[in-house]
Amino acid sequence: LKNRAGKRARKSSGGKRARGSMPRRRKSRKRKRRKRRKRRKRKRRKWRRRRRRRRRRRRRRRRRRRRRRRMRRRRRRRWRRRSRGRRRRKRKKSRIRKWMPNGGVEGGRGG
């Protein structure tokens, strides 16, 4: 798989069963552990009395307007945009083109 848009190429991990000699490896959990948020330990107060804190809840109001005609038009436009984006995919530039003055399709930087 090619490395697209700076994302790590997705490979299937672990040895395949069909090869026989290669055992199945467990996925390393290192990356997952790094992502996890550190929880801070709270120091407990010595005294027993606890002060109650009131939480204010913010309510968000969502306004919904329904117009049947407008909804139908929007749905069609969204579908068209999605299909157009899938068709036009940017090609990954070859490294050779950078130092080849006239050899590449787009022309290099040097020369």
Protein backbone atom coordinates (compact mmCIF):
# COMPACT_ATOMS: atom_id res chain seq x y z
CA LEU A 1 0.00 0.00 0.00
CA LYS A 2 1.19 3.46 -0.85
CA ASN A 3 1.60 6.02 1.86
CA ARG A 4 -1.12 8.51 1.00
CA ALA A 5 -1.46 12.02 2.42
CA GLY A 6 1.26 11.56 5.01
CA LYS A 7 -0.61 8.77 6.75
CA ARG A 8 1.12 5.59 7.77
CA ALA A 9 0.62 2.78 5.27
CA ARG A 10 -1.81 0.24 6.61
CA LYS A 11 -0.26 -3.20 6.59
CA SER A 12 -1.72 -6.32 8.05
CA SER A 13 0.33 -7.10 11.12
CA GLY A 14 1.49 -10.39 12.48
CA GLY A 15 2.86 -13.46 10.70
CA LYS A 16 0.62 -15.31 8.32
CA ARG A 17 -0.47 -18.80 9.23
CA ALA A 18 0.23 -20.24 5.78
CA ARG A 19 3.97 -19.71 6.08
CA GLY A 20 4.34 -22.25 8.81
CA SER A 21 7.68 -21.24 10.25
CA MET A 22 6.64 -17.73 11.09
CA PRO A 23 4.66 -17.52 14.34
CA ARG A 24 1.83 -15.07 14.86
CA ARG A 25 3.05 -11.93 16.59
CA ARG A 26 0.98 -9.88 18.97
CA LYS A 27 0.39 -6.26 18.05
CA SER A 28 2.53 -3.93 20.09
CA ARG A 29 0.54 -1.73 22.43
CA LYS A 30 3.18 0.98 22.59
CA ARG A 31 1.36 3.46 20.36
CA LYS A 32 -1.91 3.00 22.15
CA ARG A 33 -0.28 3.57 25.51
CA ARG A 34 1.25 6.81 24.31
CA LYS A 35 -2.10 8.16 23.22
CA ARG A 36 -3.76 7.52 26.55
CA ARG A 37 -4.29 10.57 28.73
CA LYS A 38 -2.49 10.74 32.02
CA ARG A 39 -4.88 10.85 34.95
CA ARG A 40 -3.95 13.12 37.79
CA LYS A 41 -4.24 11.82 41.28
CA ARG A 42 -6.26 14.05 43.54
CA LYS A 43 -5.03 14.59 47.03
CA ARG A 44 -7.63 13.79 49.60
CA ARG A 45 -8.43 16.40 52.20
CA LYS A 46 -7.77 15.52 55.80
CA TRP A 47 -11.01 16.89 57.14
CA ARG A 48 -14.28 15.11 56.69
CA ARG A 49 -16.53 17.97 55.77
CA ARG A 50 -17.03 18.23 52.07
CA ARG A 51 -18.19 21.33 50.33
CA ARG A 52 -20.79 20.76 47.69
CA ARG A 53 -20.13 22.36 44.37
CA ARG A 54 -23.04 23.25 42.18
CA ARG A 55 -22.69 22.56 38.53
CA ARG A 56 -24.34 24.77 36.03
CA ARG A 57 -25.65 22.96 33.05
CA ARG A 58 -25.67 24.69 29.75
CA ARG A 59 -28.45 23.72 27.50
CA ARG A 60 -27.98 24.05 23.83
CA ARG A 61 -31.04 24.69 21.83
CA ARG A 62 -31.19 23.26 18.40
CA ARG A 63 -33.49 24.85 15.95
CA ARG A 64 -34.86 22.63 13.31
CA ARG A 65 -36.42 24.03 10.23
CA ARG A 66 -38.04 21.72 7.85
CA ARG A 67 -38.62 22.65 4.29
CA ARG A 68 -39.23 19.73 2.09
CA ARG A 69 -38.21 21.41 -1.13
CA ARG A 70 -34.87 22.65 0.20
CA MET A 71 -33.96 19.32 1.74
CA ARG A 72 -34.40 17.50 -1.53
CA ARG A 73 -32.15 19.94 -3.37
CA ARG A 74 -29.40 19.77 -0.76
CA ARG A 75 -29.26 15.99 -0.80
CA ARG A 76 -28.69 15.86 -4.54
CA ARG A 77 -25.90 18.45 -4.40
CA ARG A 78 -24.03 16.66 -1.63
CA TRP A 79 -24.00 13.38 -3.52
CA ARG A 80 -22.58 15.00 -6.64
CA ARG A 81 -19.77 16.65 -4.70
CA ARG A 82 -18.73 13.39 -3.11
CA SER A 83 -18.53 11.53 -6.41
CA ARG A 84 -16.47 14.31 -8.00
CA GLY A 85 -13.92 14.23 -5.21
CA ARG A 86 -13.44 10.50 -5.54
CA ARG A 87 -12.74 10.74 -9.25
CA ARG A 88 -10.10 13.46 -9.01
CA ARG A 89 -7.27 12.05 -6.92
CA LYS A 90 -3.97 13.87 -6.62
CA ARG A 91 -1.05 11.76 -7.73
CA LYS A 92 1.90 11.37 -5.44
CA LYS A 93 4.88 13.11 -6.99
CA SER A 94 7.80 10.94 -7.89
CA ARG A 95 11.11 11.80 -6.30
CA ILE A 96 12.89 11.40 -9.62
CA ARG A 97 11.12 14.42 -11.08
CA LYS A 98 12.75 16.75 -8.58
CA TRP A 99 16.24 16.34 -9.99
CA MET A 100 15.42 15.49 -13.59
CA PRO A 101 15.20 18.74 -15.54
CA ASN A 102 13.32 17.49 -18.60
CA GLY A 103 12.70 13.79 -17.99
CA GLY A 104 9.65 13.95 -15.73
CA VAL A 105 6.12 14.68 -16.80
CA GLU A 106 5.88 17.95 -14.92
CA GLY A 107 9.50 19.02 -15.32
CA GLY A 108 12.02 19.21 -12.54
CA ARG A 109 13.41 22.04 -10.46
CA GLY A 110 16.95 21.92 -11.78
CA GLY A 111 18.33 22.46 -15.26
